Amino acid sequence: MSYAIYPSLTGKSVVVTGGGSGIGAAIVEAFARQGARVSFIDVAESESRELQTRLEGCAYAPRFYRCDLRDIDAIDCVFNEIDTLAGPIEVLVNNAANDDRHTFEEVAPAYWDDRIAVNLRHQFFCAQRAAAGMKRAGKGVILNLGSISWHLALPNLSIYLTAKAGVEGMTRGLARDLGRSGIRVNAIVPGAVRTPRQMQLWQSPDTETKLIGDQCLPQRIEPEHVARMALFLASDDGERCSGREYFVDAGWYGA
């Protein structure tokens, strides 16, 4: 099958958080194969190094940076290094997240704070840091990864749902605040994506059957389907798209 090539992405400095595996790795590969200068951030070193090695043949080999995004000072240090080596950030993809399950009764304040830091807070501060250079350039793109989960009220994910609902509100706020500087901000909302983590931890043959039955399209979503949406929204082809949510969920309405 043949997919779009976006000349406007060639040479662009792109940062992807949580880029070492799953959806993030597909986004890293998609941008790298478009000829972008991709820098990606993760805490999973082995998977990230493997991805970096696999993509060495691209026009610009992606660079991996180990960083715990809960550490705001560390984010600033990494972004400074990226600016030096790859040029000012032109596209930021806020992908990093973790959907660990939890019951309502077991949540303590420290766990709440940690889950919000993992799933929401870093998106704001990465955007704040990247937007400084984008403002000087008079253009830029920020893509925040949301989740279908809060739209469906999935169980045992109350903090994750809270964070992902917040991503969509933050996206609209940033789109308004940054739009006059030529910066476009959108949210991508994946459905049930078939990543190794999801298949190992949450899916079984029975849940797979129900999931496909609840979708309008009876096909599973792969990470590259989400990556293709990111490419379009980051490219000049999406130049009038901002402040919106773009679903890649195969029309999933069940719960």
C-alpha atoms as a PDB file:
ATOM      1  CA  MET A   1       0.000   0.000   0.000  1.00  0.00           C
ATOM      2  CA  SER A   2       1.114   3.549  -0.659  1.00  0.00           C
ATOM      3  CA  TYR A   3       0.810   6.429   1.817  1.00  0.00           C
ATOM      4  CA  ALA A   4       1.265  10.185   1.626  1.00  0.00           C
ATOM      5  CA  ILE A   5       4.643  11.869   1.492  1.00  0.00           C
ATOM      6  CA  TYR A   6       4.731  15.332   3.066  1.00  0.00           C
ATOM      7  CA  PRO A   7       7.552  17.459   1.630  1.00  0.00           C
ATOM      8  CA  SER A   8       6.909  20.116   4.278  1.00  0.00           C
ATOM      9  CA  LEU A   9       8.184  17.709   6.965  1.00  0.00           C
ATOM     10  CA  THR A  10      11.598  17.208   5.370  1.00  0.00           C
ATOM     11  CA  GLY A  11      14.315  18.486   7.691  1.00  0.00           C
ATOM     12  CA  LYS A  12      11.862  19.574  10.379  1.00  0.00           C
ATOM     13  CA  SER A  13      13.036  19.300  13.998  1.00  0.00           C
ATOM     14  CA  VAL A  14      10.483  16.990  15.633  1.00  0.00           C
ATOM     15  CA  VAL A  15      10.354  15.922  19.284  1.00  0.00           C
ATOM     16  CA  VAL A  16       8.334  12.880  20.367  1.00  0.00           C
ATOM     17  CA  THR A  17       7.889  12.066  24.052  1.00  0.00           C
ATOM     18  CA  GLY A  18       7.442   8.436  25.023  1.00  0.00           C
ATOM     19  CA  GLY A  19       8.904   7.545  21.638  1.00  0.00           C
ATOM     20  CA  GLY A  20      10.646   4.288  22.494  1.00  0.00           C
ATOM     21  CA  SER A  21       7.756   1.859  22.037  1.00  0.00           C
ATOM     22  CA  GLY A  22       4.138   1.443  21.016  1.00  0.00           C
ATOM     23  CA  ILE A  23       2.388   4.421  19.438  1.00  0.00           C
ATOM     24  CA  GLY A  24       5.378   6.657  20.164  1.00  0.00           C
ATOM     25  CA  ALA A  25       7.786   4.394  18.280  1.00  0.00           C
ATOM     26  CA  ALA A  26       5.454   4.351  15.261  1.00  0.00           C
ATOM     27  CA  ILE A  27       5.344   8.161  15.328  1.00  0.00           C
ATOM     28  CA  VAL A  28       9.145   8.378  15.550  1.00  0.00           C
ATOM     29  CA  GLU A  29       9.536   6.027  12.582  1.00  0.00           C
ATOM     30  CA  ALA A  30       6.871   7.797  10.511  1.00  0.00           C
ATOM     31  CA  PHE A  31       8.500  11.211  10.897  1.00  0.00           C
ATOM     32  CA  ALA A  32      12.001   9.806  10.359  1.00  0.00           C
ATOM     33  CA  ARG A  33      10.927   8.180   7.103  1.00  0.00           C
ATOM     34  CA  GLN A  34       9.542  11.562   5.979  1.00  0.00           C
ATOM     35  CA  GLY A  35      13.057  12.971   6.319  1.00  0.00           C
ATOM     36  CA  ALA A  36      12.467  14.853   9.575  1.00  0.00           C
ATOM     37  CA  ARG A  37      15.127  15.359  12.247  1.00  0.00           C
ATOM     38  CA  VAL A  38      13.530  13.346  15.049  1.00  0.00           C
ATOM     39  CA  SER A  39      14.522  13.493  18.696  1.00  0.00           C
ATOM     40  CA  PHE A  40      12.641  11.207  21.054  1.00  0.00           C
ATOM     41  CA  ILE A  41      12.423  11.008  24.821  1.00  0.00           C
ATOM     42  CA  ASP A  42      11.731   7.940  26.955  1.00  0.00           C
ATOM     43  CA  VAL A  43      12.753   6.115  30.125  1.00  0.00           C
ATOM     44  CA  ALA A  44      12.823   2.675  28.456  1.00  0.00           C
ATOM     45  CA  GLU A  45      16.447   2.500  27.349  1.00  0.00           C
ATOM     46  CA  SER A  46      16.670  -0.924  25.704  1.00  0.00           C
ATOM     47  CA  GLU A  47      13.601  -0.470  23.494  1.00  0.00           C
ATOM     48  CA  SER A  48      14.661   3.064  22.597  1.00  0.00           C
ATOM     49  CA  ARG A  49      18.198   2.026  21.659  1.00  0.00           C
ATOM     50  CA  GLU A  50      16.824  -0.772  19.475  1.00  0.00           C
ATOM     51  CA  LEU A  51      14.536   1.677  17.673  1.00  0.00           C
ATOM     52  CA  GLN A  52      17.372   4.139  17.186  1.00  0.00           C
ATOM     53  CA  THR A  53      19.556   1.413  15.682  1.00  0.00           C
ATOM     54  CA  ARG A  54      16.795   0.157  13.396  1.00  0.00           C
ATOM     55  CA  LEU A  55      16.262   3.635  11.934  1.00  0.00           C
ATOM     56  CA  GLU A  56      19.920   4.510  11.368  1.00  0.00           C
ATOM     57  CA  GLY A  57      19.418   4.302   7.605  1.00  0.00           C
ATOM     58  CA  CYS A  58      16.972   7.229   7.500  1.00  0.00           C
ATOM     59  CA  ALA A  59      18.084  10.560   6.051  1.00  0.00           C
ATOM     60  CA  TYR A  60      18.444  11.803   9.631  1.00  0.00           C
ATOM     61  CA  ALA A  61      18.898   9.069  12.214  1.00  0.00           C
ATOM     62  CA  PRO A  62      16.612   9.722  15.213  1.00  0.00           C
ATOM     63  CA  ARG A  63      18.313  10.659  18.483  1.00  0.00           C
ATOM     64  CA  PHE A  64      17.218   9.098  21.779  1.00  0.00           C
ATOM     65  CA  TYR A  65      17.277  11.056  25.055  1.00  0.00           C
ATOM     66  CA  ARG A  66      16.639   9.345  28.354  1.00  0.00           C
ATOM     67  CA  CYS A  67      14.530  11.614  30.538  1.00  0.00           C
ATOM     68  CA  ASP A  68      11.953  11.152  33.287  1.00  0.00           C
ATOM     69  CA  LEU A  69       9.305  13.656  32.243  1.00  0.00           C
ATOM     70  CA  ARG A  70       8.158  14.056  35.834  1.00  0.00           C
ATOM     71  CA  ASP A  71      11.362  16.093  36.305  1.00  0.00           C
ATOM     72  CA  ILE A  72      10.633  19.523  34.809  1.00  0.00           C
ATOM     73  CA  ASP A  73      14.260  20.691  35.157  1.00  0.00           C
ATOM     74  CA  ALA A  74      15.412  17.610  33.232  1.00  0.00           C
ATOM     75  CA  ILE A  75      12.960  18.443  30.438  1.00  0.00           C
ATOM     76  CA  ASP A  76      14.552  21.861  30.074  1.00  0.00           C
ATOM     77  CA  CYS A  77      18.065  20.354  29.890  1.00  0.00           C
ATOM     78  CA  VAL A  78      17.044  17.842  27.210  1.00  0.00           C
ATOM     79  CA  PHE A  79      15.233  20.460  25.141  1.00  0.00           C
ATOM     80  CA  ASN A  80      18.305  22.710  25.284  1.00  0.00           C
ATOM     81  CA  GLU A  81      20.443  19.880  23.910  1.00  0.00           C
ATOM     82  CA  ILE A  82      17.916  19.159  21.167  1.00  0.00           C
ATOM     83  CA  ASP A  83      17.907  22.830  20.161  1.00  0.00           C
ATOM     84  CA  THR A  84      21.696  22.692  19.838  1.00  0.00           C
ATOM     85  CA  LEU A  85      21.934  19.438  17.862  1.00  0.00           C
ATOM     86  CA  ALA A  86      18.759  19.433  15.751  1.00  0.00           C
ATOM     87  CA  GLY A  87      17.787  23.081  15.629  1.00  0.00           C
ATOM     88  CA  PRO A  88      14.818  24.862  17.217  1.00  0.00           C
ATOM     89  CA  ILE A  89      11.876  22.527  17.777  1.00  0.00           C
ATOM     90  CA  GLU A  90       9.265  22.884  15.040  1.00  0.00           C
ATOM     91  CA  VAL A  91       6.949  19.981  15.927  1.00  0.00           C
ATOM     92  CA  LEU A  92       6.273  18.585  19.410  1.00  0.00           C
ATOM     93  CA  VAL A  93       4.328  15.355  19.850  1.00  0.00           C
ATOM     94  CA  ASN A  94       3.289  14.924  23.491  1.00  0.00           C
ATOM     95  CA  ASN A  95       2.771  11.163  23.499  1.00  0.00           C
ATOM     96  CA  ALA A  96       4.195   9.848  26.798  1.00  0.00           C
ATOM     97  CA  ALA A  97       1.637   8.322  29.178  1.00  0.00           C
ATOM     98  CA  ASN A  98       0.926   5.259  31.295  1.00  0.00           C
ATOM     99  CA  ASP A  99      -2.504   3.674  31.708  1.00  0.00           C
ATOM    100  CA  ASP A 100      -1.942   1.588  34.840  1.00  0.00           C
ATOM    101  CA  ARG A 101      -5.215   0.398  36.335  1.00  0.00           C
ATOM    102  CA  HIS A 102      -6.303   1.406  39.826  1.00  0.00           C
ATOM    103  CA  THR A 103      -9.409   1.221  41.986  1.00  0.00           C
ATOM    104  CA  PHE A 104     -11.048   4.333  43.355  1.00  0.00           C
ATOM    105  CA  GLU A 105     -10.585   3.195  46.971  1.00  0.00           C
ATOM    106  CA  GLU A 106      -6.843   2.581  46.776  1.00  0.00           C
ATOM    107  CA  VAL A 107      -5.831   6.016  45.448  1.00  0.00           C
ATOM    108  CA  ALA A 108      -3.660   8.021  47.862  1.00  0.00           C
ATOM    109  CA  PRO A 109      -2.561  11.643  47.324  1.00  0.00           C
ATOM    110  CA  ALA A 110       0.977  10.639  46.344  1.00  0.00           C
ATOM    111  CA  TYR A 111      -0.311   8.193  43.724  1.00  0.00           C
ATOM    112  CA  TRP A 112      -2.708  10.827  42.367  1.00  0.00           C
ATOM    113  CA  ASP A 113       0.124  13.352  42.013  1.00  0.00           C
ATOM    114  CA  ASP A 114       2.372  10.816  40.309  1.00  0.00           C
ATOM    115  CA  ARG A 115      -0.280   9.727  37.789  1.00  0.00           C
ATOM    116  CA  ILE A 116      -1.118  13.328  36.894  1.00  0.00           C
ATOM    117  CA  ALA A 117       2.603  14.050  36.461  1.00  0.00           C
ATOM    118  CA  VAL A 118       2.983  11.003  34.195  1.00  0.00           C
ATOM    119  CA  ASN A 119      -0.115  11.616  32.088  1.00  0.00           C
ATOM    120  CA  LEU A 120      -0.790  15.358  31.968  1.00  0.00           C
ATOM    121  CA  ARG A 121       1.621  17.783  33.642  1.00  0.00           C
ATOM    122  CA  HIS A 122       4.609  17.143  31.376  1.00  0.00           C
ATOM    123  CA  GLN A 123       2.513  17.838  28.272  1.00  0.00           C
ATOM    124  CA  PHE A 124       1.963  21.412  29.447  1.00  0.00           C
ATOM    125  CA  PHE A 125       5.598  22.068  30.361  1.00  0.00           C
ATOM    126  CA  CYS A 126       6.996  20.429  27.229  1.00  0.00           C
ATOM    127  CA  ALA A 127       4.630  22.635  25.219  1.00  0.00           C
ATOM    128  CA  GLN A 128       5.710  25.701  27.183  1.00  0.00           C
ATOM    129  CA  ARG A 129       9.362  24.979  26.486  1.00  0.00           C
ATOM    130  CA  ALA A 130       8.897  24.163  22.789  1.00  0.00           C
ATOM    131  CA  ALA A 131       6.580  27.120  22.188  1.00  0.00           C
ATOM    132  CA  ALA A 132       9.282  29.631  23.119  1.00  0.00           C
ATOM    133  CA  GLY A 133      11.265  28.817  19.973  1.00  0.00           C
ATOM    134  CA  MET A 134       8.130  28.416  17.871  1.00  0.00           C
ATOM    135  CA  LYS A 135       7.063  31.947  18.804  1.00  0.00           C
ATOM    136  CA  ARG A 136      10.388  33.323  17.600  1.00  0.00           C
ATOM    137  CA  ALA A 137       9.914  31.476  14.310  1.00  0.00           C
ATOM    138  CA  GLY A 138       6.293  32.573  13.997  1.00  0.00           C
ATOM    139  CA  LYS A 139       5.066  29.013  13.459  1.00  0.00           C
ATOM    140  CA  GLY A 140       5.029  25.537  14.948  1.00  0.00           C
ATOM    141  CA  VAL A 141       2.895  22.502  15.729  1.00  0.00           C
ATOM    142  CA  ILE A 142       2.059  20.871  19.056  1.00  0.00           C
ATOM    143  CA  LEU A 143       0.198  17.554  19.072  1.00  0.00           C
ATOM    144  CA  ASN A 144      -1.123  16.181  22.362  1.00  0.00           C
ATOM    145  CA  LEU A 145      -2.111  12.525  22.632  1.00  0.00           C
ATOM    146  CA  GLY A 146      -5.430  11.996  24.376  1.00  0.00           C
ATOM    147  CA  SER A 147      -7.431   8.800  24.763  1.00  0.00           C
ATOM    148  CA  ILE A 148     -10.850   7.407  23.899  1.00  0.00           C
ATOM    149  CA  SER A 149     -10.986   5.967  27.430  1.00  0.00           C
ATOM    150  CA  TRP A 150     -12.589   8.960  29.134  1.00  0.00           C
ATOM    151  CA  HIS A 151     -15.182   9.330  26.378  1.00  0.00           C
ATOM    152  CA  LEU A 152     -16.254   5.744  27.118  1.00  0.00           C
ATOM    153  CA  ALA A 153     -15.886   5.947  30.930  1.00  0.00           C
ATOM    154  CA  LEU A 154     -13.779   2.794  31.082  1.00  0.00           C
ATOM    155  CA  PRO A 155     -13.477   1.220  34.571  1.00  0.00           C
ATOM    156  CA  ASN A 156     -10.540   1.305  37.010  1.00  0.00           C
ATOM    157  CA  LEU A 157      -8.870   4.250  35.283  1.00  0.00           C
ATOM    158  CA  SER A 158     -10.332   7.259  37.065  1.00  0.00           C
ATOM    159  CA  ILE A 159      -7.084   9.253  37.333  1.00  0.00           C
ATOM    160  CA  TYR A 160      -6.013   8.361  33.802  1.00  0.00           C
ATOM    161  CA  LEU A 161      -9.442   9.424  32.525  1.00  0.00           C
ATOM    162  CA  THR A 162      -9.140  12.684  34.446  1.00  0.00           C
ATOM    163  CA  ALA A 163      -5.722  13.369  32.901  1.00  0.00           C
ATOM    164  CA  LYS A 164      -6.810  12.515  29.375  1.00  0.00           C
ATOM    165  CA  ALA A 165      -9.900  14.701  29.643  1.00  0.00           C
ATOM    166  CA  GLY A 166      -7.535  17.432  30.799  1.00  0.00           C
ATOM    167  CA  VAL A 167      -5.383  16.937  27.692  1.00  0.00           C
ATOM    168  CA  GLU A 168      -8.302  17.965  25.491  1.00  0.00           C
ATOM    169  CA  GLY A 169      -9.077  21.031  27.609  1.00  0.00           C
ATOM    170  CA  MET A 170      -5.405  22.001  27.650  1.00  0.00           C
ATOM    171  CA  THR A 171      -5.232  21.577  23.870  1.00  0.00           C
ATOM    172  CA  ARG A 172      -8.017  24.080  23.326  1.00  0.00           C
ATOM    173  CA  GLY A 173      -6.510  26.537  25.788  1.00  0.00           C
ATOM    174  CA  LEU A 174      -3.059  26.356  24.209  1.00  0.00           C
ATOM    175  CA  ALA A 175      -4.505  26.633  20.706  1.00  0.00           C
ATOM    176  CA  ARG A 176      -6.171  29.885  21.717  1.00  0.00           C
ATOM    177  CA  ASP A 177      -3.164  31.274  23.592  1.00  0.00           C
ATOM    178  CA  LEU A 178      -0.581  30.350  20.949  1.00  0.00           C
ATOM    179  CA  GLY A 179      -2.543  30.762  17.740  1.00  0.00           C
ATOM    180  CA  ARG A 180      -1.651  34.438  17.293  1.00  0.00           C
ATOM    181  CA  SER A 181       1.983  33.335  17.204  1.00  0.00           C
ATOM    182  CA  GLY A 182       1.300  30.973  14.304  1.00  0.00           C
ATOM    183  CA  ILE A 183       1.385  27.846  16.477  1.00  0.00           C
ATOM    184  CA  ARG A 184      -1.191  25.134  15.825  1.00  0.00           C
ATOM    185  CA  VAL A 185      -2.217  22.856  18.700  1.00  0.00           C
ATOM    186  CA  ASN A 186      -4.346  19.733  18.268  1.00  0.00           C
ATOM    187  CA  ALA A 187      -5.169  16.540  20.147  1.00  0.00           C
ATOM    188  CA  ILE A 188      -5.072  13.070  18.654  1.00  0.00           C
ATOM    189  CA  VAL A 189      -7.459  10.672  20.368  1.00  0.00           C
ATOM    190  CA  PRO A 190      -6.553   7.017  19.741  1.00  0.00           C
ATOM    191  CA  GLY A 191      -8.986   4.195  20.301  1.00  0.00           C
ATOM    192  CA  ALA A 192      -7.911   0.694  21.274  1.00  0.00           C
ATOM    193  CA  VAL A 193      -4.519   0.457  19.604  1.00  0.00           C
ATOM    194  CA  ARG A 194      -2.834  -2.919  19.266  1.00  0.00           C
ATOM    195  CA  THR A 195       0.480  -2.228  20.999  1.00  0.00           C
ATOM    196  CA  PRO A 196       2.625  -4.923  22.655  1.00  0.00           C
ATOM    197  CA  ARG A 197       1.778  -3.493  26.101  1.00  0.00           C
ATOM    198  CA  GLN A 198      -1.956  -3.550  25.491  1.00  0.00           C
ATOM    199  CA  MET A 199      -1.878  -7.070  24.115  1.00  0.00           C
ATOM    200  CA  GLN A 200       0.230  -8.362  26.995  1.00  0.00           C
ATOM    201  CA  LEU A 201      -1.628  -6.699  29.857  1.00  0.00           C
ATOM    202  CA  TRP A 202      -5.225  -5.984  28.905  1.00  0.00           C
ATOM    203  CA  GLN A 203      -6.390  -7.975  25.873  1.00  0.00           C
ATOM    204  CA  SER A 204      -7.552 -11.572  25.451  1.00  0.00           C
ATOM    205  CA  PRO A 205      -9.371 -13.420  22.643  1.00  0.00           C
ATOM    206  CA  ASP A 206     -12.706 -12.644  24.331  1.00  0.00           C
ATOM    207  CA  THR A 207     -12.016  -8.934  24.753  1.00  0.00           C
ATOM    208  CA  GLU A 208     -10.710  -8.735  21.189  1.00  0.00           C
ATOM    209  CA  THR A 209     -13.991 -10.111  19.860  1.00  0.00           C
ATOM    210  CA  LYS A 210     -16.075  -7.664  21.888  1.00  0.00           C
ATOM    211  CA  LEU A 211     -13.847  -4.745  20.984  1.00  0.00           C
ATOM    212  CA  ILE A 212     -14.137  -5.333  17.259  1.00  0.00           C
ATOM    213  CA  GLY A 213     -17.886  -5.752  17.660  1.00  0.00           C
ATOM    214  CA  ASP A 214     -18.149  -2.361  19.388  1.00  0.00           C
ATOM    215  CA  GLN A 215     -16.274  -0.553  16.580  1.00  0.00           C
ATOM    216  CA  CYS A 216     -17.947   0.672  13.390  1.00  0.00           C
ATOM    217  CA  LEU A 217     -14.977  -0.690  11.435  1.00  0.00           C
ATOM    218  CA  PRO A 218     -14.238  -4.353  12.245  1.00  0.00           C
ATOM    219  CA  GLN A 219     -10.477  -3.943  12.026  1.00  0.00           C
ATOM    220  CA  ARG A 220      -7.951  -3.406  14.796  1.00  0.00           C
ATOM    221  CA  ILE A 221      -6.094  -0.116  15.046  1.00  0.00           C
ATOM    222  CA  GLU A 222      -2.316  -0.378  14.721  1.00  0.00           C
ATOM    223  CA  PRO A 223       0.180   2.231  15.999  1.00  0.00           C
ATOM    224  CA  GLU A 224       0.958   3.372  12.457  1.00  0.00           C
ATOM    225  CA  HIS A 225      -2.668   4.473  11.986  1.00  0.00           C
ATOM    226  CA  VAL A 226      -2.187   7.015  14.770  1.00  0.00           C
ATOM    227  CA  ALA A 227       1.184   8.020  13.320  1.00  0.00           C
ATOM    228  CA  ARG A 228      -0.397   8.832   9.965  1.00  0.00           C
ATOM    229  CA  MET A 229      -2.763  11.290  11.632  1.00  0.00           C
ATOM    230  CA  ALA A 230       0.219  12.918  13.368  1.00  0.00           C
ATOM    231  CA  LEU A 231       1.999  13.344  10.037  1.00  0.00           C
ATOM    232  CA  PHE A 232      -0.966  15.079   8.439  1.00  0.00           C
ATOM    233  CA  LEU A 233      -1.588  17.436  11.356  1.00  0.00           C
ATOM    234  CA  ALA A 234       2.129  18.341  11.603  1.00  0.00           C
ATOM    235  CA  SER A 235       2.474  18.997   7.885  1.00  0.00           C
ATOM    236  CA  ASP A 236       1.534  22.083   5.925  1.00  0.00           C
ATOM    237  CA  ASP A 237      -1.437  20.089   4.586  1.00  0.00           C
ATOM    238  CA  GLY A 238      -3.037  20.589   8.019  1.00  0.00           C
ATOM    239  CA  GLU A 239      -2.266  24.302   8.175  1.00  0.00           C
ATOM    240  CA  ARG A 240      -5.822  25.357   9.085  1.00  0.00           C
ATOM    241  CA  CYS A 241      -6.366  22.693  11.729  1.00  0.00           C
ATOM    242  CA  SER A 242      -6.071  23.854  15.338  1.00  0.00           C
ATOM    243  CA  GLY A 243      -7.807  23.551  18.683  1.00  0.00           C
ATOM    244  CA  ARG A 244      -9.545  20.292  17.810  1.00  0.00           C
ATOM    245  CA  GLU A 245      -9.588  16.593  18.649  1.00  0.00           C
ATOM    246  CA  TYR A 246      -8.954  14.071  15.878  1.00  0.00           C
ATOM    247  CA  PHE A 247     -10.139  10.549  16.654  1.00  0.00           C
ATOM    248  CA  VAL A 248      -8.395   7.431  15.355  1.00  0.00           C
ATOM    249  CA  ASP A 249     -10.718   4.876  16.936  1.00  0.00           C
ATOM    250  CA  ALA A 250     -12.439   2.955  14.102  1.00  0.00           C
ATOM    251  CA  GLY A 251     -15.710   4.414  15.396  1.00  0.00           C
ATOM    252  CA  TRP A 252     -15.652   2.818  18.856  1.00  0.00           C
ATOM    253  CA  TYR A 253     -18.902   3.478  20.726  1.00  0.00           C
ATOM    254  CA  GLY A 254     -19.122   0.500  23.056  1.00  0.00           C
ATOM    255  CA  ALA A 255     -17.780   0.154  26.588  1.00  0.00           C
END
